[in-house]
Protein backbone atom coordinates (compact mmCIF):
# COMPACT_ATOMS: atom_id res chain seq x y z
CA MET A 1 0.08 -0.10 0.13
CA ALA A 2 1.42 3.45 -0.91
CA LYS A 3 1.70 5.50 2.05
CA ASP A 4 1.11 8.70 -0.23
CA TRP A 5 -1.89 7.19 -2.37
CA TRP A 6 -3.74 10.37 -1.23
CA ARG A 7 -0.91 12.24 -3.40
CA GLY A 8 -2.87 13.53 -6.38
CA ALA A 9 -5.53 11.06 -5.82
CA VAL A 10 -9.42 11.65 -7.10
CA ILE A 11 -11.49 11.73 -4.37
CA TYR A 12 -15.63 11.41 -4.85
CA GLN A 13 -17.69 13.15 -2.20
CA ILE A 14 -20.69 11.40 -1.30
CA TYR A 15 -23.70 13.33 0.64
CA PRO A 16 -25.49 10.26 2.43
CA ARG A 17 -28.77 11.72 2.38
CA SER A 18 -28.90 12.07 -1.14
CA PHE A 19 -27.46 9.42 -2.55
CA GLN A 20 -29.12 6.31 -2.23
CA ASP A 21 -32.50 5.41 -0.25
CA ASP A 22 -32.51 1.73 0.12
CA SER A 23 -34.69 1.70 3.67
CA GLY A 24 -37.65 3.50 1.75
CA ASP A 25 -37.85 6.30 3.85
CA GLY A 26 -36.78 8.88 1.52
CA ILE A 27 -33.58 9.51 2.95
CA GLY A 28 -29.72 8.21 1.92
CA ASP A 29 -28.33 5.58 4.03
CA LEU A 30 -25.39 3.72 3.98
CA LYS A 31 -26.80 0.48 2.81
CA GLY A 32 -27.90 2.57 -0.14
CA ILE A 33 -24.16 3.96 -0.66
CA THR A 34 -22.76 -0.05 -0.28
CA ARG A 35 -24.95 -0.75 -3.09
CA ARG A 36 -23.78 1.88 -5.66
CA LEU A 37 -20.13 1.63 -5.21
CA ASP A 38 -19.88 -0.05 -8.21
CA HIS A 39 -20.51 2.85 -10.27
CA VAL A 40 -18.28 5.32 -8.32
CA ALA A 41 -15.56 2.38 -9.09
CA SER A 42 -16.15 2.48 -12.25
CA LEU A 43 -15.26 6.44 -12.55
CA GLY A 44 -11.58 5.40 -11.96
CA VAL A 45 -11.48 7.63 -8.64
CA ASP A 46 -9.05 6.81 -5.75
CA ALA A 47 -11.19 7.24 -3.00
CA ILE A 48 -14.63 8.68 -1.32
CA TRP A 49 -15.60 11.47 1.13
CA LEU A 50 -18.76 10.74 3.17
CA SER A 51 -20.11 13.91 4.59
CA PRO A 52 -21.41 13.41 7.90
CA ILE A 53 -23.28 10.09 9.11
CA PHE A 54 -23.08 10.44 12.99
CA THR A 55 -25.95 10.66 15.48
CA SER A 56 -27.10 14.33 15.18
CA PRO A 57 -30.80 15.99 15.60
CA MET A 58 -30.07 17.43 12.19
CA ALA A 59 -30.10 20.93 12.59
CA ASP A 60 -27.35 21.51 10.00
CA MET A 61 -27.47 17.82 8.35
CA GLY A 62 -25.05 16.12 10.48
CA TYR A 63 -22.85 18.94 11.12
CA ASP A 64 -24.01 19.00 14.42
CA VAL A 65 -23.01 15.83 15.94
CA SER A 66 -24.46 14.30 19.33
CA ASN A 67 -22.60 11.37 19.53
CA TYR A 68 -19.45 11.24 17.68
CA ARG A 69 -18.80 7.40 17.76
CA ASP A 70 -21.98 5.79 16.58
CA ILE A 71 -24.38 5.95 13.52
CA ASP A 72 -27.22 8.14 13.26
CA PRO A 73 -30.31 5.64 12.50
CA GLN A 74 -31.36 7.37 9.24
CA PHE A 75 -28.41 5.73 7.75
CA GLY A 76 -28.42 3.03 9.64
CA THR A 77 -25.94 1.23 12.41
CA LEU A 78 -21.96 1.02 12.54
CA ALA A 79 -22.15 -2.86 11.04
CA ASP A 80 -23.45 -1.27 7.66
CA PHE A 81 -20.60 1.21 7.94
CA ASP A 82 -18.28 -1.98 8.67
CA ALA A 83 -19.83 -3.72 5.32
CA LEU A 84 -19.61 -0.17 2.99
CA VAL A 85 -15.93 0.17 4.20
CA ALA A 86 -15.08 -3.69 3.53
CA ARG A 87 -16.91 -3.44 -0.21
CA ALA A 88 -15.26 0.07 -0.80
CA HIS A 89 -11.60 -1.63 -0.30
CA GLU A 90 -12.82 -4.70 -2.32
CA LEU A 91 -13.20 -2.04 -5.13
CA GLY A 92 -9.96 -0.77 -4.43
CA LEU A 93 -11.64 2.61 -2.92
CA LYS A 94 -10.39 4.37 -0.10
CA VAL A 95 -12.71 6.14 2.53
CA ILE A 96 -12.62 9.24 4.16
CA ILE A 97 -15.31 10.00 6.12
CA ASP A 98 -16.32 13.76 7.72
CA GLN A 99 -14.98 14.88 11.20
CA VAL A 100 -16.93 18.13 12.39
CA ILE A 101 -14.72 19.05 15.65
CA SER A 102 -14.43 22.13 16.16
CA HIS A 103 -18.68 22.32 17.21
CA SER A 104 -20.76 19.73 18.84
CA SER A 105 -24.81 18.90 18.66
CA ASP A 106 -26.38 21.67 22.20
CA GLN A 107 -27.84 18.00 22.28
CA HIS A 108 -24.64 16.23 22.68
CA PRO A 109 -24.23 14.99 26.47
CA TRP A 110 -20.80 17.22 26.89
CA PHE A 111 -23.08 20.26 26.22
CA LYS A 112 -25.76 19.22 28.44
CA ASP A 113 -23.28 18.58 31.22
CA SER A 114 -21.38 21.82 30.71
CA LYS A 115 -24.45 23.88 30.41
CA LYS A 116 -24.79 22.83 34.16
CA ALA A 117 -21.18 23.79 34.74
CA GLY A 118 -20.32 20.21 35.81
CA ALA A 119 -17.29 18.13 34.90
CA LYS A 120 -17.05 19.58 31.59
CA LYS A 121 -17.81 22.96 32.67
CA ASP A 122 -14.60 23.82 30.36
CA TRP A 123 -15.64 21.76 27.05
CA TYR A 124 -17.06 24.83 25.35
CA VAL A 125 -16.53 28.48 24.88
CA TRP A 126 -18.36 30.26 27.23
CA ALA A 127 -17.90 34.09 28.64
CA ASP A 128 -19.81 36.72 30.94
CA ALA A 129 -22.17 39.31 29.06
CA LYS A 130 -20.95 42.76 29.52
CA PRO A 131 -22.56 45.00 31.69
CA ASP A 132 -25.54 46.04 30.06
CA GLY A 133 -25.97 42.18 28.87
CA SER A 134 -25.11 42.46 25.68
CA PRO A 135 -22.43 39.84 24.18
CA PRO A 136 -18.83 39.76 25.11
CA ASN A 137 -17.58 41.16 21.63
CA ASN A 138 -18.50 41.94 18.13
CA TRP A 139 -18.20 38.29 16.69
CA GLN A 140 -20.47 37.12 14.43
CA SER A 141 -22.15 33.74 13.35
CA VAL A 142 -21.80 32.40 9.55
CA PHE A 143 -25.60 31.57 9.83
CA GLY A 144 -26.08 35.63 10.61
CA GLY A 145 -26.16 37.43 14.13
CA SER A 146 -24.00 37.33 16.57
CA SER A 147 -22.44 34.27 17.56
CA TRP A 148 -23.11 34.07 21.23
CA GLU A 149 -26.29 32.62 22.90
CA TRP A 150 -27.07 33.62 26.14
CA SER A 151 -27.61 30.68 28.75
CA PRO A 152 -30.12 31.50 31.67
CA GLU A 153 -29.32 27.87 33.54
CA ARG A 154 -25.21 29.10 33.36
CA GLY A 155 -25.94 32.60 33.13
CA GLN A 156 -23.48 33.39 30.95
CA TYR A 157 -23.17 33.46 26.50
CA TYR A 158 -21.49 30.58 25.23
CA LEU A 159 -19.68 30.72 21.53
CA HIS A 160 -21.40 29.22 18.31
CA ASN A 161 -19.66 30.03 15.01
CA PHE A 162 -22.74 28.53 12.76
CA LEU A 163 -25.99 28.10 14.12
CA ILE A 164 -26.98 28.20 18.16
CA GLU A 165 -27.67 24.67 18.05
CA GLN A 166 -24.09 24.24 17.52
CA PRO A 167 -21.78 25.26 20.11
CA ASP A 168 -18.05 25.96 20.09
CA LEU A 169 -16.01 23.15 21.53
CA ASN A 170 -13.18 25.07 23.30
CA LEU A 171 -10.05 23.34 22.08
CA HIS A 172 -7.86 25.25 24.69
CA ASN A 173 -8.71 22.38 26.86
CA PRO A 174 -5.98 19.63 26.95
CA GLU A 175 -8.93 17.34 27.66
CA VAL A 176 -11.14 18.22 24.75
CA GLN A 177 -8.50 17.64 22.50
CA ASP A 178 -7.65 14.22 23.93
CA GLU A 179 -11.26 13.12 23.59
CA LEU A 180 -11.38 14.59 20.19
CA LEU A 181 -7.83 12.59 19.04
CA ASP A 182 -9.94 9.60 20.97
CA VAL A 183 -13.20 9.70 18.30
CA LEU A 184 -10.04 9.46 15.40
CA ARG A 185 -8.38 6.73 17.07
CA PHE A 186 -11.94 5.15 16.99
CA TRP A 187 -12.55 5.58 13.10
CA LEU A 188 -8.94 4.81 12.39
CA GLU A 189 -9.39 1.20 14.28
CA ARG A 190 -12.51 0.74 12.12
CA GLY A 191 -10.50 1.14 9.02
CA VAL A 192 -11.18 4.13 7.54
CA ASP A 193 -8.44 5.53 5.95
CA GLY A 194 -9.01 9.07 6.79
CA PHE A 195 -10.98 12.72 7.52
CA ARG A 196 -12.14 15.52 5.92
CA LEU A 197 -11.79 18.17 8.90
CA ASP A 198 -14.86 20.60 8.67
CA THR A 199 -13.71 24.22 9.43
CA VAL A 200 -10.46 23.41 11.06
CA ASN A 201 -9.50 26.84 10.84
CA TYR A 202 -11.91 27.17 13.45
CA TYR A 203 -11.04 25.16 16.14
CA PHE A 204 -9.46 27.86 18.78
CA HIS A 205 -10.53 31.11 19.08
CA ASP A 206 -8.43 34.13 20.70
CA PRO A 207 -8.51 33.63 24.68
CA GLU A 208 -8.80 37.24 25.20
CA LEU A 209 -12.31 37.56 22.91
CA ARG A 210 -10.62 40.59 21.49
CA ASP A 211 -13.20 42.57 18.71
CA ASN A 212 -12.64 41.61 15.20
CA PRO A 213 -12.08 44.32 12.72
CA PRO A 214 -14.01 45.25 10.03
CA MET A 215 -12.96 44.21 6.10
CA GLU A 216 -12.15 45.83 3.77
CA PRO A 217 -15.17 46.79 1.51
CA ASP A 218 -15.36 44.62 -1.92
CA PRO A 219 -16.78 46.76 -4.53
CA GLU A 220 -17.99 43.84 -6.46
CA ARG A 221 -20.77 42.85 -3.38
CA TRP A 222 -20.91 45.49 -0.66
CA PRO A 223 -22.52 45.07 1.37
CA PRO A 224 -22.80 41.57 1.50
CA ILE A 225 -25.73 39.29 2.62
CA SER A 226 -24.28 38.38 5.86
CA THR A 227 -23.00 40.62 8.38
CA TYR A 228 -20.60 38.05 8.94
CA ASP A 229 -18.21 39.13 5.72
CA MET A 230 -18.31 42.57 7.17
CA GLN A 231 -15.61 41.48 9.41
CA ASP A 232 -11.82 40.49 9.43
CA HIS A 233 -11.71 37.41 11.35
CA ALA A 234 -9.01 37.65 12.83
CA PHE A 235 -9.43 36.72 16.48
CA ASP A 236 -12.84 34.24 16.01
CA LYS A 237 -10.80 31.51 14.06
CA ASN A 238 -7.38 31.34 12.12
CA ARG A 239 -5.04 31.28 15.22
CA PRO A 240 -1.74 30.24 15.61
CA GLU A 241 -2.59 28.00 18.75
CA ASN A 242 -3.93 25.40 16.05
CA LEU A 243 -0.78 24.44 14.47
CA PRO A 244 0.17 22.69 17.31
CA PHE A 245 -3.31 20.88 17.60
CA LEU A 246 -2.54 20.01 13.70
CA GLN A 247 0.67 18.33 14.92
CA ARG A 248 -0.74 16.43 17.23
CA MET A 249 -3.65 14.93 14.84
CA ARG A 250 -0.73 14.30 12.23
CA ALA A 251 0.99 12.08 14.66
CA LEU A 252 -2.13 10.10 15.62
CA MET A 253 -2.57 9.66 11.54
CA ASP A 254 1.44 8.74 11.41
CA ALA A 255 0.98 5.48 13.98
CA PHE A 256 -1.36 3.88 11.36
CA GLU A 257 -0.79 2.94 8.16
CA ALA A 258 -1.05 4.93 4.95
CA ARG A 259 -3.80 7.42 6.26
CA THR A 260 -4.42 11.10 5.26
CA LEU A 261 -6.13 14.21 6.62
CA VAL A 262 -7.82 17.00 4.15
CA GLY A 263 -9.20 20.32 5.88
CA GLU A 264 -11.44 22.46 4.99
CA VAL A 265 -10.28 26.06 5.27
CA GLY A 266 -13.32 28.51 5.31
CA GLU A 267 -12.06 31.87 5.23
CA ALA A 268 -12.08 34.78 2.62
CA PRO A 269 -9.65 35.00 -0.49
CA HIS A 270 -7.37 37.33 1.25
CA ARG A 271 -6.11 34.77 3.52
CA ALA A 272 -7.18 31.50 2.52
CA LEU A 273 -4.32 30.30 0.84
CA GLY A 274 -1.73 31.36 3.59
CA ILE A 275 -3.55 29.04 5.74
CA MET A 276 -3.79 26.31 3.51
CA GLU A 277 0.20 26.80 2.80
CA GLU A 278 0.88 27.07 6.65
CA TYR A 279 -1.56 24.10 7.43
CA THR A 280 0.12 21.69 5.04
CA SER A 281 3.57 22.73 4.72
CA GLY A 282 6.23 20.04 5.97
CA LYS A 283 5.19 16.45 6.97
CA ALA A 284 4.21 17.15 11.01
CA ARG A 285 0.55 19.27 9.67
CA LEU A 286 -2.40 18.57 7.58
CA HIS A 287 -1.82 16.32 4.61
CA MET A 288 -3.54 18.37 2.35
CA ALA A 289 -6.29 21.37 2.76
CA TYR A 290 -8.73 23.24 0.46
CA SER A 291 -10.32 26.48 0.63
CA PHE A 292 -13.22 27.94 -1.26
CA ASP A 293 -11.07 29.69 -3.94
CA MET A 294 -12.19 27.36 -7.19
CA LEU A 295 -15.84 27.45 -5.47
CA GLY A 296 -16.87 30.67 -6.76
CA PRO A 297 -17.96 32.72 -9.35
CA LYS A 298 -14.53 33.12 -10.91
CA PHE A 299 -13.90 31.71 -14.05
CA SER A 300 -10.81 32.76 -15.46
CA PRO A 301 -6.68 31.93 -16.45
CA THR A 302 -5.91 34.71 -14.01
CA HIS A 303 -7.56 33.45 -11.41
CA PHE A 304 -6.77 29.98 -11.67
CA ARG A 305 -3.24 30.40 -12.06
CA SER A 306 -3.19 32.90 -9.70
CA LYS A 307 -4.45 30.14 -6.61
CA ILE A 308 -2.30 27.54 -7.82
CA GLU A 309 0.77 29.04 -8.62
CA GLY A 310 0.47 31.19 -5.40
CA PHE A 311 -0.20 27.75 -3.36
CA PHE A 312 3.36 26.35 -4.62
CA LYS A 313 5.08 29.31 -4.42
CA GLY A 314 4.20 29.62 -0.80
CA ALA A 315 4.41 26.06 0.55
CA PRO A 316 6.74 24.19 -2.34
CA ASP A 317 6.09 21.30 0.38
CA GLY A 318 2.69 21.67 1.10
CA TRP A 319 -0.02 20.08 -1.00
CA PRO A 320 -3.79 21.25 -1.83
CA SER A 321 -6.69 20.10 -2.79
CA TRP A 322 -9.07 21.30 -5.35
CA SER A 323 -12.73 21.13 -6.34
CA PHE A 324 -15.31 23.00 -8.01
CA SER A 325 -18.29 21.73 -6.86
CA ASN A 326 -19.43 20.42 -3.33
CA HIS A 327 -22.22 20.48 -0.74
CA ASP A 328 -22.04 23.88 0.05
CA VAL A 329 -21.87 25.79 -3.06
CA GLN A 330 -23.78 26.15 -6.44
CA ARG A 331 -22.81 23.34 -8.84
CA HIS A 332 -20.71 24.59 -11.27
CA VAL A 333 -22.38 23.99 -14.43
CA THR A 334 -24.82 26.21 -13.33
CA ARG A 335 -22.65 28.82 -11.54
CA TRP A 336 -19.92 29.46 -14.81
CA ALA A 337 -23.43 28.93 -16.99
CA LYS A 338 -22.33 32.53 -18.95
CA PHE A 339 -19.05 30.90 -20.25
CA GLY A 340 -20.30 27.96 -22.25
CA THR A 341 -23.29 25.10 -22.32
CA GLU A 342 -24.01 23.21 -19.57
CA ASP A 343 -22.88 20.18 -21.19
CA HIS A 344 -19.23 22.14 -22.97
CA ILE A 345 -18.94 23.65 -19.26
CA ALA A 346 -18.96 19.71 -17.64
CA ARG A 347 -16.41 18.48 -20.07
CA LEU A 348 -14.02 21.74 -19.82
CA ALA A 349 -14.01 21.63 -16.40
CA ILE A 350 -13.34 17.87 -15.49
CA ALA A 351 -10.57 18.43 -18.13
CA MET A 352 -8.67 21.56 -16.64
CA LEU A 353 -9.18 20.08 -13.05
CA GLY A 354 -7.74 16.31 -14.08
CA SER A 355 -5.23 18.63 -15.02
CA PHE A 356 -4.74 20.20 -11.91
CA GLN A 357 -1.39 19.56 -9.57
CA GLY A 358 -3.21 18.75 -6.08
CA THR A 359 -5.27 16.30 -5.19
CA ILE A 360 -8.86 16.40 -6.94
CA GLY A 361 -12.48 16.33 -5.63
CA ILE A 362 -15.22 15.20 -7.39
CA TYR A 363 -18.88 16.15 -5.69
CA GLN A 364 -21.88 13.67 -6.36
CA GLY A 365 -23.70 14.04 -9.98
CA GLU A 366 -21.32 15.99 -11.43
CA GLU A 367 -19.97 13.21 -13.58
CA LEU A 368 -23.61 13.70 -14.87
CA GLY A 369 -23.06 17.22 -16.35
CA GLN A 370 -25.46 17.67 -13.13
CA THR A 371 -26.86 21.34 -12.62
CA GLU A 372 -28.28 23.37 -9.74
CA THR A 373 -31.71 22.63 -8.73
CA ASP A 374 -34.44 25.66 -8.80
CA LEU A 375 -36.17 25.63 -5.40
CA ALA A 376 -39.18 27.59 -4.16
CA TYR A 377 -39.13 28.76 -0.77
CA HIS A 378 -41.44 26.19 0.60
CA GLU A 379 -39.07 23.47 -0.41
CA LEU A 380 -36.42 24.82 1.42
CA ILE A 381 -34.86 23.16 4.34
CA ASP A 382 -31.44 24.45 4.73
CA PRO A 383 -30.86 26.99 7.67
CA PRO A 384 -28.85 30.14 5.63
CA GLY A 385 -31.40 29.20 2.47
CA LEU A 386 -34.33 29.68 5.01
CA ARG A 387 -32.78 33.14 6.71
CA PHE A 388 -31.47 35.09 4.03
CA TRP A 389 -33.71 34.04 0.67
CA PRO A 390 -33.90 35.23 -1.87
CA GLU A 391 -30.55 37.01 -2.19
CA ASN A 392 -29.31 33.70 -0.43
CA LYS A 393 -30.72 30.63 -1.48
CA GLY A 394 -29.09 28.42 0.37
CA ARG A 395 -27.42 24.43 -0.17
CA ASP A 396 -30.52 22.15 -0.83
CA GLY A 397 -30.28 23.23 -4.63
CA CYS A 398 -26.70 21.31 -4.59
CA ARG A 399 -27.75 18.30 -2.31
CA THR A 400 -30.84 17.37 -4.56
CA PRO A 401 -31.01 13.31 -4.92
CA MET A 402 -28.54 11.71 -6.81
CA VAL A 403 -30.33 10.75 -9.91
CA TRP A 404 -29.66 7.09 -11.26
CA ASP A 405 -32.97 6.07 -13.63
CA GLU A 406 -36.02 6.56 -15.60
CA SER A 407 -38.34 5.49 -12.61
CA ALA A 408 -39.77 7.03 -9.88
CA ASN A 409 -37.66 9.70 -8.27
CA SER A 410 -35.02 8.78 -11.03
CA GLY A 411 -34.24 5.37 -8.83
CA PHE A 412 -32.96 7.13 -5.58
CA SER A 413 -36.29 6.34 -3.37
CA THR A 414 -39.49 4.01 -3.62
CA VAL A 415 -40.97 7.39 -1.59
CA THR A 416 -41.07 11.27 -1.60
CA PRO A 417 -37.63 12.21 -1.00
CA TRP A 418 -36.60 14.60 1.76
CA LEU A 419 -35.57 17.07 -1.19
CA PRO A 420 -37.24 16.78 -4.61
CA VAL A 421 -36.26 15.44 -7.97
CA LYS A 422 -36.93 17.98 -10.79
CA ALA A 423 -37.18 17.24 -14.42
CA PRO A 424 -34.16 18.89 -15.57
CA GLN A 425 -31.39 16.73 -13.03
CA ALA A 426 -33.86 13.75 -13.79
CA ALA A 427 -32.95 14.31 -17.17
CA ARG A 428 -29.14 13.45 -16.39
CA ALA A 429 -29.68 9.87 -15.09
CA VAL A 430 -26.86 7.28 -14.86
CA SER A 431 -28.54 4.82 -17.07
CA ARG A 432 -29.22 7.58 -19.72
CA GLN A 433 -25.14 8.50 -19.90
CA ASP A 434 -23.47 4.85 -19.23
CA ALA A 435 -23.73 3.02 -22.36
CA ASP A 436 -23.24 6.47 -24.55
CA ASP A 437 -19.31 7.13 -25.35
CA SER A 438 -20.21 10.72 -26.07
CA SER A 439 -21.87 11.61 -22.57
CA VAL A 440 -20.72 13.81 -19.63
CA LEU A 441 -20.06 10.43 -17.97
CA ALA A 442 -18.03 8.87 -20.75
CA HIS A 443 -15.92 12.10 -20.76
CA TYR A 444 -15.24 12.12 -17.05
CA ARG A 445 -14.29 7.99 -17.28
CA HIS A 446 -11.94 9.08 -19.95
CA VAL A 447 -10.30 11.95 -18.38
CA LEU A 448 -10.09 10.12 -14.99
CA ALA A 449 -8.31 7.37 -16.62
CA PHE A 450 -6.12 9.48 -18.59
CA ARG A 451 -4.77 11.09 -15.06
CA LYS A 452 -4.07 8.09 -13.78
CA ALA A 453 -2.37 7.00 -17.00
CA ASN A 454 -0.14 9.98 -16.53
CA PRO A 455 1.65 10.01 -13.14
CA VAL A 456 3.19 13.33 -14.26
CA LEU A 457 -0.38 14.79 -13.90
CA ARG A 458 -0.36 13.99 -10.55
CA THR A 459 2.28 14.72 -8.81
CA GLY A 460 4.42 16.50 -11.78
CA ARG A 461 5.47 20.34 -11.37
CA THR A 462 3.44 22.80 -12.96
CA THR A 463 4.97 25.50 -14.75
CA PHE A 464 2.15 28.23 -16.45
CA LEU A 465 2.14 29.97 -19.81
CA ASP A 466 1.36 32.91 -20.58
CA LEU A 467 -1.29 33.35 -22.85
CA PRO A 468 -4.04 35.62 -24.53
CA ASP A 469 -7.28 34.94 -22.23
CA PRO A 470 -9.27 33.36 -22.70
CA VAL A 471 -7.15 30.28 -22.89
CA LEU A 472 -5.53 28.87 -19.66
CA GLY A 473 -2.11 27.03 -20.52
CA PHE A 474 0.53 25.45 -18.01
CA VAL A 475 3.18 22.75 -18.73
CA ARG A 476 3.14 19.39 -16.29
CA GLU A 477 6.87 18.16 -15.94
CA SER A 478 8.37 15.67 -14.16
CA ASP A 479 11.69 13.79 -14.93
CA ASP A 480 10.47 11.18 -17.15
CA ALA A 481 7.48 13.02 -18.81
CA ARG A 482 6.19 16.38 -20.07
CA LEU A 483 2.68 17.31 -21.26
CA THR A 484 1.66 20.56 -22.05
CA CYS A 485 -1.90 21.60 -20.84
CA LEU A 486 -4.80 23.81 -22.86
CA PHE A 487 -7.92 24.81 -22.12
CA ASN A 488 -10.52 27.73 -23.77
CA LEU A 489 -12.46 29.29 -21.01
CA GLY A 490 -14.64 30.91 -23.65
CA PRO A 491 -17.32 30.30 -26.11
CA GLU A 492 -15.48 31.36 -29.33
CA THR A 493 -12.92 29.15 -31.04
CA VAL A 494 -9.52 30.36 -30.00
CA THR A 495 -6.08 29.53 -32.18
CA LEU A 496 -2.64 29.89 -30.91
CA GLU A 497 0.27 28.87 -31.80
CA ILE A 498 2.15 26.18 -30.23
CA GLN A 499 3.79 23.13 -30.96
CA GLY A 500 3.39 19.27 -30.00
CA THR A 501 1.26 16.27 -30.89
CA LEU A 502 -2.22 15.83 -29.50
CA THR A 503 -2.98 13.46 -26.81
CA GLY A 504 -5.42 12.33 -24.51
CA PRO A 505 -9.60 13.04 -24.37
CA CYS A 506 -9.25 16.46 -26.25
CA ILE A 507 -11.61 18.49 -26.56
CA GLU A 508 -12.73 20.37 -30.07
CA ALA A 509 -8.90 20.72 -30.93
CA ARG A 510 -6.92 20.29 -33.39
CA THR A 511 -3.35 21.07 -34.77
CA GLN A 512 -1.96 22.01 -38.31
CA GLY A 513 1.55 22.54 -38.40
CA ASP A 514 2.47 25.11 -35.77
CA ARG A 515 -0.62 26.30 -34.64
CA ILE A 516 -3.81 24.62 -32.13
CA THR A 517 -7.20 25.92 -32.74
CA LEU A 518 -9.84 25.04 -30.01
CA GLY A 519 -13.50 24.93 -29.85
CA PRO A 520 -15.77 27.02 -27.45
CA ASN A 521 -15.10 25.43 -24.18
CA GLY A 522 -11.99 23.09 -25.94
CA ALA A 523 -9.39 21.25 -23.89
CA ALA A 524 -6.01 19.75 -25.26
CA TRP A 525 -3.15 17.65 -24.13
CA LEU A 526 0.38 17.95 -26.04
CA ILE A 527 2.85 15.90 -25.68
CA GLY A 528 6.56 16.89 -27.64
């Protein structure tokens, strides 16, 4: 087993509630995932990442954990989980699971004890009110309003960076760190291959509770939808105390064979890349990290170049993870619609992503060219959507069920699903594309096979080319291989002077002499 299997790997994210319902309650489950793993393996990916499956009241769809060592009954049992891991390993897939350890559910026994000032009184972040009864400082919640909630039972405020139902754990307390490391050990001993660390830069807060300074206004989106984005989050997260804890986590992982950590860095662009670099530098912290830099609206050669080039300049011994979609953002085929047709953007996106230096992530349904589901307000479940509609429609649109076939609910469930399956999404079912070699699904398989067959695309060095917009170009190079990668990010045909022989699953590309022509959203790989 390669110790560094994660380096340059392709990780497929499964959102369990929406992948496959085998129990007949309209909610996806572990048995359903296990049954559908053959599809995932057929893509040529290296690993799966499961969003939270732990016991939870589901205030934030599992990101509010009330028991870190058990499976929520909606999803199944520990035996079901063990069977999933075994089947994944049979198929050659590694298994990464979410760990949500910056905060718990307010229904967790730890928090209930802490509210009573019991044995775990210092396991959460508590602070006295100001003399006028107002919160201890100006910190804001990601989901709106103050990040402090008054507890009459304890007579203090507690910190919640997200929902009121998600109190922040106090990782300044060594007992909390020890307990959380033991949680990781529990799952490592069950055979998981790694962890995706939710909100990894939120683990520590400033113990002095200093106010956050204001954020410099962004002329493109000011004022922002949420007051959270009006602050520069210097004190409620991104704290230097995080680094020693990351080192403790890495030491635990290194005690097991070939395990990995990937951290989610939730931060504004001015700081996100630097945190990724800091958290992955060397061999004693995270193996890799990702931010939201490629999960937003920006779609230009300059943008993608700046993120990749900037990361490796800042952390030559670090490692990034890149993705274009996940459970937190609008699907990229919809997000980047103005740059090409849906199918063109879908094909171009995987061609680009599959050529990037780093580990790459694919979100379920992306391989079908899936689009964002348009939901009415009464169909929403996600708290941010309910609070900030219609300026922010929440995350439900990217979380609607996976579409498998042309039966009721697209084969996801035999009953009404927790979120609806609508016609535009159903039209992209696996069964409609599986045997069609011209489909988006087939293109994903071809690109991922090409990446796997060319190690230079997984781990080779990257040198960017100075090309006119809207073309993104770079060379991937190792000691024994060299590939030139070209991508037309625009809807019009472009011609460039560049030499080489076409190879791989190119899109709308042709060469003539020392010239190459790329059609709308075209892509090409060249050797020589």
